[in-house]
Each structure stands twice: as structure tokens, then as C-alpha cells.
Protein backbone atom coordinates (compact mmCIF):
# COMPACT_ATOMS: atom_id res chain seq x y z
CA MET A 1 23.11 -100.56 -21.86
CA ALA A 2 24.39 -97.66 -23.99
CA VAL A 3 24.25 -95.20 -21.13
CA HIS A 4 26.20 -97.61 -18.97
CA LEU A 5 28.92 -97.93 -21.60
CA SER A 6 29.37 -94.16 -21.83
CA LYS A 7 29.42 -93.82 -18.06
CA ILE A 8 31.82 -96.73 -17.61
CA GLN A 9 34.20 -95.32 -20.18
CA CYS A 10 34.14 -91.89 -18.48
CA LEU A 11 34.91 -93.54 -15.14
CA ARG A 12 37.72 -95.67 -16.54
CA LEU A 13 39.47 -92.71 -18.13
CA PHE A 14 38.62 -90.10 -15.48
CA PRO A 15 37.61 -91.48 -12.05
CA GLU A 16 36.57 -87.97 -10.99
CA VAL A 17 33.30 -88.54 -12.89
CA SER A 18 32.19 -90.74 -9.97
CA CYS A 19 31.53 -87.51 -8.03
CA PHE A 20 28.37 -86.94 -10.06
CA THR A 21 25.33 -88.31 -8.25
CA ARG A 22 22.77 -87.35 -10.88
CA ILE A 23 22.07 -85.26 -13.98
CA GLU A 24 19.84 -82.21 -13.72
CA GLN A 25 18.39 -80.46 -16.75
CA SER A 26 17.96 -76.69 -16.72
CA ALA A 27 14.48 -75.65 -15.62
CA THR A 28 13.68 -73.70 -18.79
CA SER A 29 14.50 -76.52 -21.17
CA ALA A 30 12.90 -79.17 -18.95
CA SER A 31 9.60 -77.32 -18.86
CA SER A 32 9.52 -76.55 -22.58
CA SER A 33 10.36 -79.98 -23.97
CA ASN A 34 9.06 -83.52 -23.57
CA ASN A 35 11.96 -85.07 -25.52
CA GLY A 36 9.51 -86.71 -27.89
CA VAL A 37 8.08 -89.15 -25.33
CA ASN A 38 4.43 -90.15 -25.64
CA GLU A 39 3.16 -90.85 -22.13
CA GLU A 40 0.37 -93.12 -23.34
CA ASP A 41 2.86 -95.28 -25.22
CA ALA A 42 5.10 -95.34 -22.17
CA GLY A 43 2.22 -96.61 -20.10
CA SER A 44 2.19 -94.03 -17.33
CA THR A 45 3.57 -90.67 -16.37
CA ALA A 46 6.11 -92.32 -14.09
CA THR A 47 7.31 -94.64 -16.85
CA ALA A 48 7.53 -91.77 -19.30
CA THR A 49 9.54 -89.71 -16.84
CA ALA A 50 11.92 -92.60 -16.23
CA TRP A 51 12.38 -93.02 -19.97
CA GLU A 52 13.04 -89.30 -20.40
CA ASN A 53 15.64 -89.44 -17.64
CA HIS A 54 17.28 -92.47 -19.26
CA LYS A 55 17.46 -90.75 -22.65
CA ARG A 56 18.83 -87.58 -21.09
CA GLU A 57 21.49 -89.46 -19.12
CA GLN A 58 22.48 -91.41 -22.23
CA TRP A 59 22.83 -88.24 -24.30
CA VAL A 60 24.72 -86.28 -21.65
CA TYR A 61 27.28 -89.01 -20.96
CA MET A 62 27.76 -89.54 -24.69
CA ARG A 63 28.46 -85.80 -25.03
CA LEU A 64 30.84 -85.95 -22.08
CA VAL A 65 32.80 -88.99 -23.26
CA HIS A 66 33.02 -87.46 -26.74
CA ALA A 67 34.48 -84.27 -25.28
CA LEU A 68 36.91 -86.23 -23.09
CA LEU A 69 38.16 -88.29 -26.05
CA SER A 70 38.36 -85.46 -28.58
CA ASP A 71 41.62 -83.88 -29.68
CA ARG A 72 42.77 -81.35 -27.11
CA THR A 73 44.35 -77.95 -27.34
CA TRP A 74 45.89 -77.00 -24.01
CA LYS A 75 45.46 -73.36 -23.03
CA GLY A 76 45.36 -71.16 -19.97
CA CYS A 77 42.14 -71.81 -18.04
CA ILE A 78 42.27 -69.26 -15.20
CA ALA A 79 39.37 -66.81 -15.47
CA ALA A 80 39.62 -64.95 -12.15
CA CYS A 81 41.29 -64.86 -8.74
CA ILE A 82 39.31 -65.99 -5.69
CA GLY A 83 41.85 -65.34 -2.96
CA ALA A 84 45.05 -66.08 -1.10
CA SER A 85 45.74 -67.65 2.29
CA SER A 86 47.55 -64.45 3.28
CA THR A 87 48.85 -61.28 1.61
CA ASP A 88 51.60 -59.07 2.98
CA ASN A 89 50.45 -55.81 1.37
CA PHE A 90 47.09 -55.76 -0.43
CA PRO A 91 46.50 -54.88 -3.22
CA GLU A 92 50.11 -54.01 -4.18
CA GLU A 93 51.23 -57.61 -3.54
CA GLY A 94 47.88 -59.31 -4.20
CA ILE A 95 47.04 -62.55 -6.00
CA GLN A 96 45.76 -60.66 -9.06
CA ASN A 97 49.39 -59.89 -9.95
CA THR A 98 50.01 -63.60 -10.64
CA LEU A 99 47.85 -63.38 -13.77
CA VAL A 100 50.46 -61.11 -15.40
CA PRO A 101 53.17 -63.02 -17.34
CA GLY A 102 56.66 -62.46 -15.97
CA ASP A 103 57.59 -60.48 -12.88
CA HIS A 104 57.21 -56.89 -14.12
CA MET A 105 54.35 -54.80 -15.47
CA ASN A 106 54.76 -51.20 -16.62
CA ASP A 107 58.34 -51.19 -15.28
CA MET A 108 57.10 -52.15 -11.81
CA GLU A 109 57.56 -55.44 -9.97
CA SER A 110 54.48 -57.67 -10.23
CA TYR A 111 54.01 -60.52 -7.75
CA TRP A 112 52.01 -61.96 -4.86
CA SER A 113 53.61 -62.07 -1.42
CA SER A 114 52.45 -64.09 1.54
CA GLY A 115 52.57 -62.76 5.05
CA GLY A 116 55.80 -63.35 6.97
CA GLN A 117 56.22 -66.33 9.32
CA GLU A 118 58.81 -67.40 11.87
CA ASP A 119 58.01 -71.06 11.16
CA PRO A 120 59.16 -72.16 7.67
CA GLY A 121 56.64 -75.01 7.75
CA VAL A 122 53.54 -72.78 7.55
CA PRO A 123 51.92 -73.39 4.11
CA GLU A 124 50.33 -70.84 1.81
CA PHE A 125 47.91 -71.20 -1.08
CA LEU A 126 46.28 -69.33 -3.95
CA VAL A 127 42.74 -70.08 -5.18
CA TYR A 128 41.55 -69.44 -8.73
CA LYS A 129 38.30 -69.70 -10.67
CA LEU A 130 38.53 -71.43 -14.05
CA CYS A 131 36.78 -70.50 -17.28
CA SER A 132 34.43 -73.52 -17.16
CA ASP A 133 32.84 -75.77 -14.53
CA LEU A 134 34.42 -78.73 -16.31
CA CYS A 135 38.07 -78.41 -17.35
CA LEU A 136 40.51 -81.15 -18.25
CA ILE A 137 43.74 -80.01 -16.56
CA ASP A 138 47.15 -81.25 -17.68
CA GLU A 139 49.79 -78.93 -16.24
CA ILE A 140 50.46 -76.12 -13.75
CA ARG A 141 53.18 -73.54 -14.37
CA ILE A 142 54.56 -71.28 -11.65
CA GLN A 143 57.27 -68.62 -11.61
CA PRO A 144 58.73 -67.78 -8.18
CA PHE A 145 59.56 -64.13 -7.57
CA ARG A 146 63.04 -62.66 -7.30
CA ALA A 147 63.19 -59.47 -5.19
CA TYR A 148 65.56 -57.33 -7.23
CA GLN A 149 65.20 -54.43 -4.79
CA GLN A 150 66.50 -56.42 -1.82
CA PRO A 151 70.12 -57.21 -0.93
CA GLY A 152 71.33 -60.32 -2.74
CA HIS A 153 68.23 -60.46 -4.98
CA PRO A 154 66.63 -63.36 -3.01
CA ILE A 155 64.11 -65.73 -4.61
CA TYR A 156 61.09 -66.46 -2.40
CA SER A 157 60.14 -69.90 -3.72
CA ALA A 158 58.63 -72.82 -1.81
CA ARG A 159 60.11 -76.27 -1.35
CA TYR A 160 57.08 -78.04 -2.77
CA VAL A 161 53.85 -77.28 -4.61
CA ARG A 162 50.65 -79.28 -5.02
CA VAL A 163 47.25 -78.57 -6.53
CA SER A 164 43.65 -79.39 -5.62
CA PHE A 165 40.56 -79.23 -7.83
CA GLY A 166 37.05 -78.72 -6.52
CA CYS A 167 33.63 -77.17 -6.50
CA PRO A 168 32.33 -74.26 -4.38
CA LYS A 169 29.60 -75.28 -1.95
CA LEU A 170 27.66 -72.15 -2.92
CA PRO A 171 27.68 -70.44 -6.34
CA LEU A 172 30.47 -67.89 -6.60
CA ARG A 173 29.21 -64.35 -7.07
CA LEU A 174 31.19 -61.51 -8.60
CA GLU A 175 31.56 -59.90 -5.18
CA ASP A 176 33.11 -63.14 -3.85
CA LEU A 177 36.16 -62.72 -6.08
CA VAL A 178 39.27 -60.94 -4.89
CA SER A 179 38.76 -57.21 -4.34
CA GLU A 180 39.83 -54.41 -2.04
CA GLU A 181 36.71 -55.04 0.05
CA ASN A 182 37.44 -58.68 0.89
CA GLU A 183 41.23 -58.70 0.29
CA GLY A 184 40.89 -62.12 -1.31
CA GLN A 185 40.03 -63.98 1.88
CA LEU A 186 37.33 -66.35 0.52
CA THR A 187 39.71 -69.28 0.72
CA ALA A 188 38.67 -71.45 3.69
CA ASP A 189 38.53 -75.14 2.81
CA ASP A 190 35.01 -75.46 4.21
CA ASN A 191 33.80 -73.25 1.33
CA TYR A 192 34.68 -75.96 -1.20
CA ILE A 193 34.36 -79.66 -1.98
CA TRP A 194 37.84 -80.81 -3.02
CA MET A 195 37.72 -83.86 -5.29
CA TYR A 196 41.35 -84.21 -6.35
CA THR A 197 44.68 -83.36 -4.73
CA SER A 198 47.98 -84.04 -6.47
CA SER A 199 51.16 -85.30 -4.90
CA GLU A 200 53.82 -82.75 -3.98
CA PHE A 201 56.11 -81.49 -6.73
CA PRO A 202 59.57 -80.15 -5.78
CA MET A 203 60.04 -76.49 -6.70
CA LEU A 204 63.37 -74.99 -7.73
CA GLN A 205 64.64 -71.80 -6.14
CA LYS A 206 64.87 -70.17 -9.55
CA ASN A 207 63.12 -67.18 -11.06
CA VAL A 208 61.85 -69.11 -14.10
CA LEU A 209 58.46 -70.44 -15.19
CA GLN A 210 58.49 -74.00 -13.82
CA SER A 211 56.29 -76.79 -15.17
CA PHE A 212 54.42 -79.20 -12.90
CA LYS A 213 52.78 -81.78 -15.14
CA LEU A 214 50.11 -84.01 -13.64
CA PRO A 215 50.60 -87.80 -13.98
CA ARG A 216 47.51 -87.79 -16.21
CA PRO A 217 45.00 -85.18 -17.32
CA VAL A 218 42.53 -84.64 -14.48
CA LEU A 219 38.91 -83.54 -14.83
CA CYS A 220 38.40 -80.50 -12.61
CA ILE A 221 34.73 -80.57 -11.58
CA GLY A 222 33.45 -77.27 -10.25
CA GLY A 223 35.99 -74.94 -11.81
CA VAL A 224 38.09 -74.10 -8.73
CA VAL A 225 41.85 -74.69 -8.39
CA LYS A 226 43.92 -74.35 -5.22
CA VAL A 227 47.69 -74.04 -5.68
CA GLU A 228 49.39 -74.86 -2.38
CA PHE A 229 52.97 -73.96 -1.44
CA ARG A 230 54.65 -76.02 1.28
CA GLY A 231 57.95 -75.28 2.96
CA ARG A 232 59.50 -71.81 3.06
CA ILE A 233 63.10 -71.28 2.01
CA GLN A 234 63.88 -67.58 2.04
CA LYS A 235 63.95 -65.12 4.93
CA GLN A 236 63.56 -61.40 4.37
CA VAL A 237 66.57 -59.55 5.69
CA TYR A 238 64.52 -56.64 7.06
CA ASP A 239 62.38 -58.61 9.54
CA ASP A 240 63.99 -62.10 9.65
CA LEU A 241 60.69 -63.75 8.63
CA TYR A 242 60.05 -66.41 5.98
CA TYR A 243 57.95 -65.44 2.93
CA ILE A 244 56.68 -67.10 -0.25
CA CYS A 245 56.36 -64.85 -3.31
CA VAL A 246 55.03 -65.83 -6.75
CA ALA A 247 55.28 -63.82 -9.94
CA HIS A 248 53.06 -65.82 -12.30
CA VAL A 249 50.71 -68.84 -12.32
CA GLN A 250 49.22 -70.73 -15.27
CA VAL A 251 46.71 -73.60 -15.22
CA LEU A 252 46.83 -75.34 -18.60
CA GLY A 253 43.92 -77.46 -19.78
CA THR A 254 40.88 -77.72 -22.01
CA PRO A 255 37.41 -76.37 -21.10
CA LEU A 256 34.74 -79.02 -21.75
CA LEU A 257 31.39 -77.95 -23.24
CA PRO A 258 31.20 -74.77 -21.09
CA GLN A 259 27.80 -73.78 -22.50
CA GLU A 260 26.19 -77.23 -22.34
CA LEU A 261 27.42 -78.77 -19.09
CA GLY A 262 28.06 -77.46 -15.60
CA ALA A 263 28.50 -78.67 -12.03
CA ALA A 264 26.73 -77.70 -8.83
CA PRO A 265 26.79 -79.01 -5.26
CA SER A 266 23.77 -80.69 -3.68
CA GLU A 267 22.98 -82.45 -0.41
CA ASP A 268 23.82 -85.85 -1.92
CA GLY A 269 26.90 -84.86 -3.91
CA ILE A 270 27.75 -83.04 -7.14
CA VAL A 271 25.08 -82.55 -9.79
CA LEU A 272 26.00 -82.61 -13.47
CA LYS A 273 24.02 -79.72 -14.94
CA TYR A 274 22.72 -80.01 -18.51
CA PHE A 275 21.70 -77.04 -20.67
CA PRO A 276 20.29 -78.48 -23.93
CA GLU A 277 19.33 -75.02 -25.18
CA HIS A 278 23.06 -74.42 -25.70
CA GLU A 279 23.71 -77.58 -27.71
CA PRO A 280 25.40 -77.08 -31.10
CA PRO A 281 23.11 -77.26 -34.15
CA GLN A 282 22.60 -80.69 -35.60
CA ASP A 283 24.70 -79.89 -38.68
CA SER A 284 27.77 -78.84 -36.65
CA GLY A 285 30.96 -80.87 -36.52
CA CYS A 286 30.09 -82.46 -33.15
CA SER A 287 26.41 -83.10 -33.82
CA ARG A 288 24.67 -86.39 -33.26
CA PRO A 289 25.00 -87.83 -36.82
CA LYS A 290 28.80 -87.60 -36.61
CA TRP A 291 29.24 -89.79 -33.56
CA HIS A 292 25.95 -90.97 -32.07
CA ASP A 293 26.90 -94.59 -32.85
CA ILE A 294 30.05 -94.39 -30.71
CA GLU A 295 28.76 -96.81 -28.08
CA ALA A 296 27.12 -99.13 -30.58
CA ARG A 297 30.55 -99.58 -32.16
CA ILE A 298 32.11 -100.20 -28.76
CA TRP A 299 29.46 -102.72 -27.80
CA ARG A 300 29.66 -104.65 -31.08
CA ALA A 301 33.43 -104.91 -30.71
CA LEU A 302 33.15 -106.04 -27.09
CA LYS A 303 30.67 -108.77 -27.98
CA ALA A 304 32.85 -109.91 -30.86
CA THR A 305 35.92 -110.24 -28.63
CA GLY A 306 34.05 -111.57 -25.61
CA GLN A 307 35.35 -108.78 -23.37
CA VAL A 308 31.99 -107.12 -22.65
CA ILE A 309 32.73 -105.10 -19.50
CA GLY A 310 36.48 -105.66 -19.28
CA PHE A 311 37.45 -103.53 -22.25
CA ASN A 312 40.70 -101.62 -22.20
CA GLN A 313 42.36 -98.53 -23.63
CA GLU A 314 43.98 -100.47 -26.49
CA LEU A 315 40.58 -101.60 -27.73
CA LEU A 316 39.15 -98.11 -27.36
CA SER A 317 42.06 -96.68 -29.35
CA ARG A 318 41.40 -99.13 -32.20
CA LEU A 319 37.76 -98.10 -32.27
CA LEU A 320 38.03 -94.35 -31.82
CA GLY A 321 41.65 -93.41 -32.36
CA PRO A 322 44.01 -92.18 -29.63
CA SER A 323 42.38 -90.24 -26.80
CA VAL A 324 45.30 -87.88 -26.23
């Protein structure tokens, strides 16, 4: 029952958790530990294995729900650039420039520029790799670029922006990231499993860092973010084509247990990877003695109130304190 309570609470707070089809322990730790199970007491090897899996699932979801409910410090989560849907001049106007705060670096303009289009409805997007496979994302910040060197100092913003979170279908290698060799073209949707897409946010035609706050914090599973720009506004005077140009992008969130948990695609869905060798020591602030009774407390309270499965956020807040 305890494992179900942890899993249910994860799903209630963050429906993205439903993408996980199973938990998979790292091969090194799985082969070197039997988790204290005595196969004779369990009755058979199969029974012992099932019990080990149950204990592992219970522990992993307890770790996950604890991380999801802990106090959060929002910070920039982008670790690297994967690519752009198009680039006008690479690398001078490449996606890597969007990691630099502001629109200048070393007295030179710093920005990404799309290719030009006659149709203002052609979308563009930028794809980034985050610092952890599991990140709780709260907000996206984007600064459109103002071309000071062009007549009228035009701002090449988009009409709308939206974001998608997902997992690469194959592990990303260093050579897959944006470089002069691939010009940042590893962006096709069929390379990724997208598990969340936001609604469209209107973007202002202003050269300021604009905030696009999600309706709720979203669990990004897989560590990939796509920032999509829809609707072109500004034509370039020199060629009469529409462009979108971005000076800076931030993805604000909280990495969750980056050393202990990961995500990987499989034939039947997304696997929640577990690396127990990277668990904190038992005397650390988040060790088992501090909070291992979290679900026992929940269950006792549910039985006392008669709610059992239909518990709500108000009850959880009374038990554990606010989750945000």
C-alpha cells in the first residue's frame, strides 16, 4: 500500500509521472546487492525478486515524492544547446548565443537568427538540454533581439511562444549537441518523445527579458526543452523577408536528484532509472530516518478521516507543510 500512496501522490501533483512504465536499477548496483532479501524466507527466487522490486519501487517513489514536495530554489536549468529549426548565419547567429545574458558580448551583438521566410506563419524553435533528466520547470524567460545596426532598430520578436518538454529517443552524445559540424540541426520531432506542451503565450515586441510562467510547475522528464516561436512580425528591410531573432533564453526550475534518478526511453514507454550507489549517506539531511514515515503518516490520517484514496492537497499540506 505504501508504494501506491507515494505513486498516487506523485500523479496527483504531477501527472507527467504517468509516463513512467517501470523502474530500472543500474546494472552495477543490481548485481552487487540483494537488498537484504533472503530467498529461502521469501519462498522462491521469483517471490524474492518480486519483493525486491516492490521494495525498490517503494523507495524510489518515496524519494521522488519527497523531492517534489521539498522547498524549491528556482535557477537556470539549461546545460547545453541541441539545435535550432533554422539559422541564418551559423555560427555567428547560432543558438549558442542565447545562453549569454543580454544582447551584447564583448561589444558585439549576441543573438540567434532564424532563416528568412516570405510566409509570416512559418514557426521556428530552439531545443536545449537541461542539467538533469528530471527537472521541475516553473518559468521560461526570453529576450527578443533588437537590430541596432539596421534602419529603425527593428525588434524581431514572435507573436506567440510555447514550450514542450520531452525525452530523446536515443541517448544524446556530446557530438549530437550544436557544433560547426552539424550546425545545430538535431531538432526533428521524431528524435524525441514530447510529454508536455504548454499553451501559447503572447510575446511583446520589446527588447526586454519577458517572463512566461507555466500555470503550474511541470516535471520535465528526459531533460529536453523545445521553445517554439509562432507568428513572425518583423521584415528585414534588405530582403523583405520575415525573421525571428532571440537574444537570450532562460529555463527556470529545480533539478531533481540528478545523481540518483534518470529517465530513458524503452519500447513500452519511459523508464525511471535508479542509481542507488549515488544515494546520500544515511546521516544526511534527506536520509531515510528523516522522512521514511511520510506515507505512514498520510495513511493514518486518511484512515482517521475516512478519505482513504480521495485525499486532497489541503490534507497533504496539514501533514507535510506547503508543497510550494
